[in-house]
Amino acid sequence: MKKLNLVFNTSGKAMTVSLADPKDGLTLDECRTAAEKLQLVLAPSSGETVTGFEKATVVTTTTEAVE
């Protein structure tokens, strides 16, 4: 399973938005474009202000049954 993490700076601590199943070959420029659109509607529950995009990471996890 893969997920895309978009990390934003806020007036306090960092905020991460996770999106499931990102497309293969995603570029940093594509992530920045998506982050700019998301930033306009993000409202952290802490009341802080989102101040900008910090980074994007793709996390891949493997799940194995314990037998």
PDB file of N, CA and C in Angstrom:
ATOM      1  N   MET A   1       0.851  -1.182   0.000  1.00  0.00           N
ATOM      2  CA  MET A   1       0.000   0.000   0.000  1.00  0.00           C
ATOM      3  C   MET A   1       0.893   1.240   0.000  1.00  0.00           C
ATOM      4  N   LYS A   2       0.513   2.213  -0.811  1.00  0.00           N
ATOM      5  CA  LYS A   2       1.262   3.464  -0.872  1.00  0.00           C
ATOM      6  C   LYS A   2       0.380   4.608  -0.408  1.00  0.00           C
ATOM      7  N   LYS A   3       1.022   5.618   0.168  1.00  0.00           N
ATOM      8  CA  LYS A   3       0.307   6.847   0.468  1.00  0.00           C
ATOM      9  C   LYS A   3       1.243   8.024   0.249  1.00  0.00           C
ATOM     10  N   LEU A   4       0.672   9.121  -0.184  1.00  0.00           N
ATOM     11  CA  LEU A   4       1.405  10.356  -0.400  1.00  0.00           C
ATOM     12  C   LEU A   4       1.172  11.243   0.804  1.00  0.00           C
ATOM     13  N   ASN A   5       2.248  11.699   1.429  1.00  0.00           N
ATOM     14  CA  ASN A   5       2.157  12.631   2.546  1.00  0.00           C
ATOM     15  C   ASN A   5       2.589  14.012   2.062  1.00  0.00           C
ATOM     16  N   LEU A   6       1.703  14.973   2.184  1.00  0.00           N
ATOM     17  CA  LEU A   6       2.032  16.363   1.892  1.00  0.00           C
ATOM     18  C   LEU A   6       2.174  17.064   3.232  1.00  0.00           C
ATOM     19  N   VAL A   7       3.348  17.605   3.493  1.00  0.00           N
ATOM     20  CA  VAL A   7       3.639  18.229   4.777  1.00  0.00           C
ATOM     21  C   VAL A   7       3.616  19.750   4.594  1.00  0.00           C
ATOM     22  N   PHE A   8       2.848  20.408   5.449  1.00  0.00           N
ATOM     23  CA  PHE A   8       2.686  21.856   5.403  1.00  0.00           C
ATOM     24  C   PHE A   8       3.249  22.483   6.671  1.00  0.00           C
ATOM     25  N   ASN A   9       3.812  23.668   6.534  1.00  0.00           N
ATOM     26  CA  ASN A   9       4.217  24.461   7.689  1.00  0.00           C
ATOM     27  C   ASN A   9       2.987  25.214   8.185  1.00  0.00           C
ATOM     28  N   THR A  10       2.914  25.393   9.494  1.00  0.00           N
ATOM     29  CA  THR A  10       1.842  26.184  10.078  1.00  0.00           C
ATOM     30  C   THR A  10       2.473  27.191  11.035  1.00  0.00           C
ATOM     31  N   SER A  11       1.648  28.011  11.629  1.00  0.00           N
ATOM     32  CA  SER A  11       2.163  28.972  12.602  1.00  0.00           C
ATOM     33  C   SER A  11       2.613  28.274  13.884  1.00  0.00           C
ATOM     34  N   GLY A  12       2.342  26.981  13.999  1.00  0.00           N
ATOM     35  CA  GLY A  12       2.792  26.182  15.142  1.00  0.00           C
ATOM     36  C   GLY A  12       3.625  25.019  14.643  1.00  0.00           C
ATOM     37  N   LYS A  13       3.094  23.813  14.771  1.00  0.00           N
ATOM     38  CA  LYS A  13       3.830  22.630  14.314  1.00  0.00           C
ATOM     39  C   LYS A  13       3.400  22.242  12.895  1.00  0.00           C
ATOM     40  N   ALA A  14       4.141  21.327  12.282  1.00  0.00           N
ATOM     41  CA  ALA A  14       3.846  20.886  10.919  1.00  0.00           C
ATOM     42  C   ALA A  14       2.524  20.124  10.863  1.00  0.00           C
ATOM     43  N   MET A  15       1.887  20.168   9.702  1.00  0.00           N
ATOM     44  CA  MET A  15       0.622  19.472   9.469  1.00  0.00           C
ATOM     45  C   MET A  15       0.805  18.570   8.262  1.00  0.00           C
ATOM     46  N   THR A  16       0.352  17.309   8.355  1.00  0.00           N
ATOM     47  CA  THR A  16       0.498  16.358   7.257  1.00  0.00           C
ATOM     48  C   THR A  16      -0.877  15.954   6.738  1.00  0.00           C
ATOM     49  N   VAL A  17      -1.019  15.976   5.414  1.00  0.00           N
ATOM     50  CA  VAL A  17      -2.212  15.471   4.748  1.00  0.00           C
ATOM     51  C   VAL A  17      -1.785  14.213   4.007  1.00  0.00           C
ATOM     52  N   SER A  18      -2.460  13.081   4.266  1.00  0.00           N
ATOM     53  CA  SER A  18      -2.122  11.808   3.634  1.00  0.00           C
ATOM     54  C   SER A  18      -3.179  11.442   2.608  1.00  0.00           C
ATOM     55  N   LEU A  19      -2.716  11.046   1.431  1.00  0.00           N
ATOM     56  CA  LEU A  19      -3.601  10.654   0.334  1.00  0.00           C
ATOM     57  C   LEU A  19      -3.238   9.237  -0.098  1.00  0.00           C
ATOM     58  N   ALA A  20      -4.231   8.355  -0.177  1.00  0.00           N
ATOM     59  CA  ALA A  20      -3.999   6.955  -0.524  1.00  0.00           C
ATOM     60  C   ALA A  20      -3.779   6.777  -2.021  1.00  0.00           C
ATOM     61  N   ASP A  21      -2.973   5.792  -2.351  1.00  0.00           N
ATOM     62  CA  ASP A  21      -2.747   5.336  -3.721  1.00  0.00           C
ATOM     63  C   ASP A  21      -2.344   6.429  -4.704  1.00  0.00           C
ATOM     64  N   PRO A  22      -1.231   7.118  -4.448  1.00  0.00           N
ATOM     65  CA  PRO A  22      -0.778   8.130  -5.413  1.00  0.00           C
ATOM     66  C   PRO A  22      -0.343   7.457  -6.712  1.00  0.00           C
ATOM     67  N   LYS A  23      -0.428   8.191  -7.801  1.00  0.00           N
ATOM     68  CA  LYS A  23      -0.017   7.623  -9.090  1.00  0.00           C
ATOM     69  C   LYS A  23       1.495   7.405  -9.105  1.00  0.00           C
ATOM     70  N   ASP A  24       1.924   6.440  -9.892  1.00  0.00           N
ATOM     71  CA  ASP A  24       3.352   6.175 -10.036  1.00  0.00           C
ATOM     72  C   ASP A  24       4.003   7.322 -10.803  1.00  0.00           C
ATOM     73  N   GLY A  25       5.254   7.612 -10.473  1.00  0.00           N
ATOM     74  CA  GLY A  25       6.007   8.628 -11.181  1.00  0.00           C
ATOM     75  C   GLY A  25       5.641  10.053 -10.829  1.00  0.00           C
ATOM     76  N   LEU A  26       4.989  10.244  -9.701  1.00  0.00           N
ATOM     77  CA  LEU A  26       4.589  11.575  -9.260  1.00  0.00           C
ATOM     78  C   LEU A  26       5.825  12.461  -9.068  1.00  0.00           C
ATOM     79  N   THR A  27       5.757  13.698  -9.545  1.00  0.00           N
ATOM     80  CA  THR A  27       6.902  14.611  -9.432  1.00  0.00           C
ATOM     81  C   THR A  27       6.683  15.621  -8.309  1.00  0.00           C
ATOM     82  N   LEU A  28       7.766  16.247  -7.884  1.00  0.00           N
ATOM     83  CA  LEU A  28       7.675  17.269  -6.849  1.00  0.00           C
ATOM     84  C   LEU A  28       6.837  18.448  -7.343  1.00  0.00           C
ATOM     85  N   ASP A  29       6.974  18.815  -8.617  1.00  0.00           N
ATOM     86  CA  ASP A  29       6.174  19.924  -9.153  1.00  0.00           C
ATOM     87  C   ASP A  29       4.679  19.613  -9.098  1.00  0.00           C
ATOM     88  N   GLU A  30       4.297  18.375  -9.394  1.00  0.00           N
ATOM     89  CA  GLU A  30       2.887  17.978  -9.298  1.00  0.00           C
ATOM     90  C   GLU A  30       2.403  18.048  -7.852  1.00  0.00           C
ATOM     91  N   CYS A  31       3.258  17.636  -6.924  1.00  0.00           N
ATOM     92  CA  CYS A  31       2.911  17.708  -5.502  1.00  0.00           C
ATOM     93  C   CYS A  31       2.750  19.153  -5.056  1.00  0.00           C
ATOM     94  N   ARG A  32       3.653  20.028  -5.503  1.00  0.00           N
ATOM     95  CA  ARG A  32       3.551  21.454  -5.153  1.00  0.00           C
ATOM     96  C   ARG A  32       2.254  22.065  -5.664  1.00  0.00           C
ATOM     97  N   THR A  33       1.886  21.724  -6.902  1.00  0.00           N
ATOM     98  CA  THR A  33       0.652  22.245  -7.484  1.00  0.00           C
ATOM     99  C   THR A  33      -0.560  21.798  -6.673  1.00  0.00           C
ATOM    100  N   ALA A  34      -0.595  20.519  -6.309  1.00  0.00           N
ATOM    101  CA  ALA A  34      -1.701  19.999  -5.498  1.00  0.00           C
ATOM    102  C   ALA A  34      -1.707  20.648  -4.115  1.00  0.00           C
ATOM    103  N   ALA A  35      -0.527  20.817  -3.532  1.00  0.00           N
ATOM    104  CA  ALA A  35      -0.423  21.410  -2.193  1.00  0.00           C
ATOM    105  C   ALA A  35      -0.919  22.849  -2.189  1.00  0.00           C
ATOM    106  N   GLU A  36      -0.614  23.601  -3.239  1.00  0.00           N
ATOM    107  CA  GLU A  36      -1.083  24.988  -3.327  1.00  0.00           C
ATOM    108  C   GLU A  36      -2.608  25.051  -3.323  1.00  0.00           C
ATOM    109  N   LYS A  37      -3.248  24.120  -4.023  1.00  0.00           N
ATOM    110  CA  LYS A  37      -4.714  24.082  -4.062  1.00  0.00           C
ATOM    111  C   LYS A  37      -5.282  23.681  -2.701  1.00  0.00           C
ATOM    112  N   LEU A  38      -4.663  22.694  -2.079  1.00  0.00           N
ATOM    113  CA  LEU A  38      -5.127  22.237  -0.767  1.00  0.00           C
ATOM    114  C   LEU A  38      -4.950  23.302   0.307  1.00  0.00           C
ATOM    115  N   GLN A  39      -3.849  24.021   0.224  1.00  0.00           N
ATOM    116  CA  GLN A  39      -3.536  25.015   1.256  1.00  0.00           C
ATOM    117  C   GLN A  39      -4.655  26.037   1.410  1.00  0.00           C
ATOM    118  N   LEU A  40      -5.353  26.331   0.340  1.00  0.00           N
ATOM    119  CA  LEU A  40      -6.432  27.322   0.382  1.00  0.00           C
ATOM    120  C   LEU A  40      -7.607  26.882   1.242  1.00  0.00           C
ATOM    121  N   VAL A  41      -7.785  25.567   1.407  1.00  0.00           N
ATOM    122  CA  VAL A  41      -8.955  25.076   2.141  1.00  0.00           C
ATOM    123  C   VAL A  41      -8.609  24.380   3.458  1.00  0.00           C
ATOM    124  N   LEU A  42      -7.328  24.268   3.770  1.00  0.00           N
ATOM    125  CA  LEU A  42      -6.936  23.601   5.019  1.00  0.00           C
ATOM    126  C   LEU A  42      -7.243  24.478   6.225  1.00  0.00           C
ATOM    127  N   ALA A  43      -7.820  23.854   7.234  1.00  0.00           N
ATOM    128  CA  ALA A  43      -8.125  24.559   8.473  1.00  0.00           C
ATOM    129  C   ALA A  43      -7.763  23.638   9.637  1.00  0.00           C
ATOM    130  N   PRO A  44      -6.529  23.724  10.133  1.00  0.00           N
ATOM    131  CA  PRO A  44      -6.121  22.862  11.249  1.00  0.00           C
ATOM    132  C   PRO A  44      -7.053  23.028  12.444  1.00  0.00           C
ATOM    133  N   SER A  45      -7.367  21.910  13.103  1.00  0.00           N
ATOM    134  CA  SER A  45      -8.268  21.953  14.256  1.00  0.00           C
ATOM    135  C   SER A  45      -7.681  22.769  15.402  1.00  0.00           C
ATOM    136  N   SER A  46      -6.369  22.959  15.392  1.00  0.00           N
ATOM    137  CA  SER A  46      -5.718  23.726  16.460  1.00  0.00           C
ATOM    138  C   SER A  46      -5.915  25.228  16.291  1.00  0.00           C
ATOM    139  N   GLY A  47      -6.460  25.638  15.128  1.00  0.00           N
ATOM    140  CA  GLY A  47      -6.674  27.055  14.887  1.00  0.00           C
ATOM    141  C   GLY A  47      -5.469  27.768  14.302  1.00  0.00           C
ATOM    142  N   GLU A  48      -4.386  27.034  14.056  1.00  0.00           N
ATOM    143  CA  GLU A  48      -3.191  27.635  13.478  1.00  0.00           C
ATOM    144  C   GLU A  48      -3.416  27.976  12.011  1.00  0.00           C
ATOM    145  N   THR A  49      -2.532  28.764  11.455  1.00  0.00           N
ATOM    146  CA  THR A  49      -2.606  29.147  10.059  1.00  0.00           C
ATOM    147  C   THR A  49      -1.591  28.344   9.256  1.00  0.00           C
ATOM    148  N   VAL A  50      -2.026  27.784   8.119  1.00  0.00           N
ATOM    149  CA  VAL A  50      -1.101  27.082   7.233  1.00  0.00           C
ATOM    150  C   VAL A  50      -0.299  28.139   6.485  1.00  0.00           C
ATOM    151  N   THR A  51       1.037  28.057   6.592  1.00  0.00           N
ATOM    152  CA  THR A  51       1.889  29.098   6.019  1.00  0.00           C
ATOM    153  C   THR A  51       2.603  28.676   4.744  1.00  0.00           C
ATOM    154  N   GLY A  52       2.601  27.390   4.409  1.00  0.00           N
ATOM    155  CA  GLY A  52       3.248  26.969   3.175  1.00  0.00           C
ATOM    156  C   GLY A  52       3.503  25.482   3.116  1.00  0.00           C
ATOM    157  N   PHE A  53       3.884  25.033   1.931  1.00  0.00           N
ATOM    158  CA  PHE A  53       4.209  23.639   1.660  1.00  0.00           C
ATOM    159  C   PHE A  53       5.660  23.383   2.048  1.00  0.00           C
ATOM    160  N   GLU A  54       5.915  22.284   2.760  1.00  0.00           N
ATOM    161  CA  GLU A  54       7.282  21.949   3.175  1.00  0.00           C
ATOM    162  C   GLU A  54       7.886  20.844   2.319  1.00  0.00           C
ATOM    163  N   LYS A  55       7.186  19.682   2.237  1.00  0.00           N
ATOM    164  CA  LYS A  55       7.740  18.558   1.491  1.00  0.00           C
ATOM    165  C   LYS A  55       6.654  17.538   1.177  1.00  0.00           C
ATOM    166  N   ALA A  56       7.018  16.613   0.269  1.00  0.00           N
ATOM    167  CA  ALA A  56       6.136  15.503  -0.078  1.00  0.00           C
ATOM    168  C   ALA A  56       6.932  14.215   0.060  1.00  0.00           C
ATOM    169  N   THR A  57       6.290  13.183   0.598  1.00  0.00           N
ATOM    170  CA  THR A  57       6.919  11.867   0.686  1.00  0.00           C
ATOM    171  C   THR A  57       5.910  10.815   0.263  1.00  0.00           C
ATOM    172  N   VAL A  58       6.403   9.735  -0.322  1.00  0.00           N
ATOM    173  CA  VAL A  58       5.568   8.571  -0.618  1.00  0.00           C
ATOM    174  C   VAL A  58       6.002   7.484   0.342  1.00  0.00           C
ATOM    175  N   VAL A  59       5.040   6.945   1.085  1.00  0.00           N
ATOM    176  CA  VAL A  59       5.298   5.886   2.057  1.00  0.00           C
ATOM    177  C   VAL A  59       4.703   4.586   1.525  1.00  0.00           C
ATOM    178  N   THR A  60       5.510   3.550   1.458  1.00  0.00           N
ATOM    179  CA  THR A  60       5.057   2.242   1.006  1.00  0.00           C
ATOM    180  C   THR A  60       5.106   1.283   2.193  1.00  0.00           C
ATOM    181  N   THR A  61       3.985   0.619   2.457  1.00  0.00           N
ATOM    182  CA  THR A  61       3.941  -0.329   3.567  1.00  0.00           C
ATOM    183  C   THR A  61       3.556  -1.710   3.057  1.00  0.00           C
ATOM    184  N   THR A  62       4.040  -2.713   3.747  1.00  0.00           N
ATOM    185  CA  THR A  62       3.702  -4.103   3.443  1.00  0.00           C
ATOM    186  C   THR A  62       3.079  -4.708   4.688  1.00  0.00           C
ATOM    187  N   THR A  63       1.970  -5.380   4.491  1.00  0.00           N
ATOM    188  CA  THR A  63       1.287  -6.032   5.603  1.00  0.00           C
ATOM    189  C   THR A  63       1.430  -7.541   5.461  1.00  0.00           C
ATOM    190  N   GLU A  64       1.880  -8.194   6.517  1.00  0.00           N
ATOM    191  CA  GLU A  64       2.041  -9.628   6.517  1.00  0.00           C
ATOM    192  C   GLU A  64       1.247 -10.229   7.674  1.00  0.00           C
ATOM    193  N   ALA A  65       0.564 -11.296   7.399  1.00  0.00           N
ATOM    194  CA  ALA A  65      -0.191 -12.006   8.428  1.00  0.00           C
ATOM    195  C   ALA A  65       0.760 -12.740   9.354  1.00  0.00           C
ATOM    196  N   VAL A  66       0.455 -12.718  10.617  1.00  0.00           N
ATOM    197  CA  VAL A  66       1.223 -13.476  11.605  1.00  0.00           C
ATOM    198  C   VAL A  66       0.571 -14.849  11.722  1.00  0.00           C
ATOM    199  N   GLU A  67       1.372 -15.861  11.524  1.00  0.00           N
ATOM    200  CA  GLU A  67       0.809 -17.234  11.575  1.00  0.00           C
ATOM    201  C   GLU A  67       1.427 -18.031  12.680  1.00  0.00           C
TER     202      GLU A  67
END
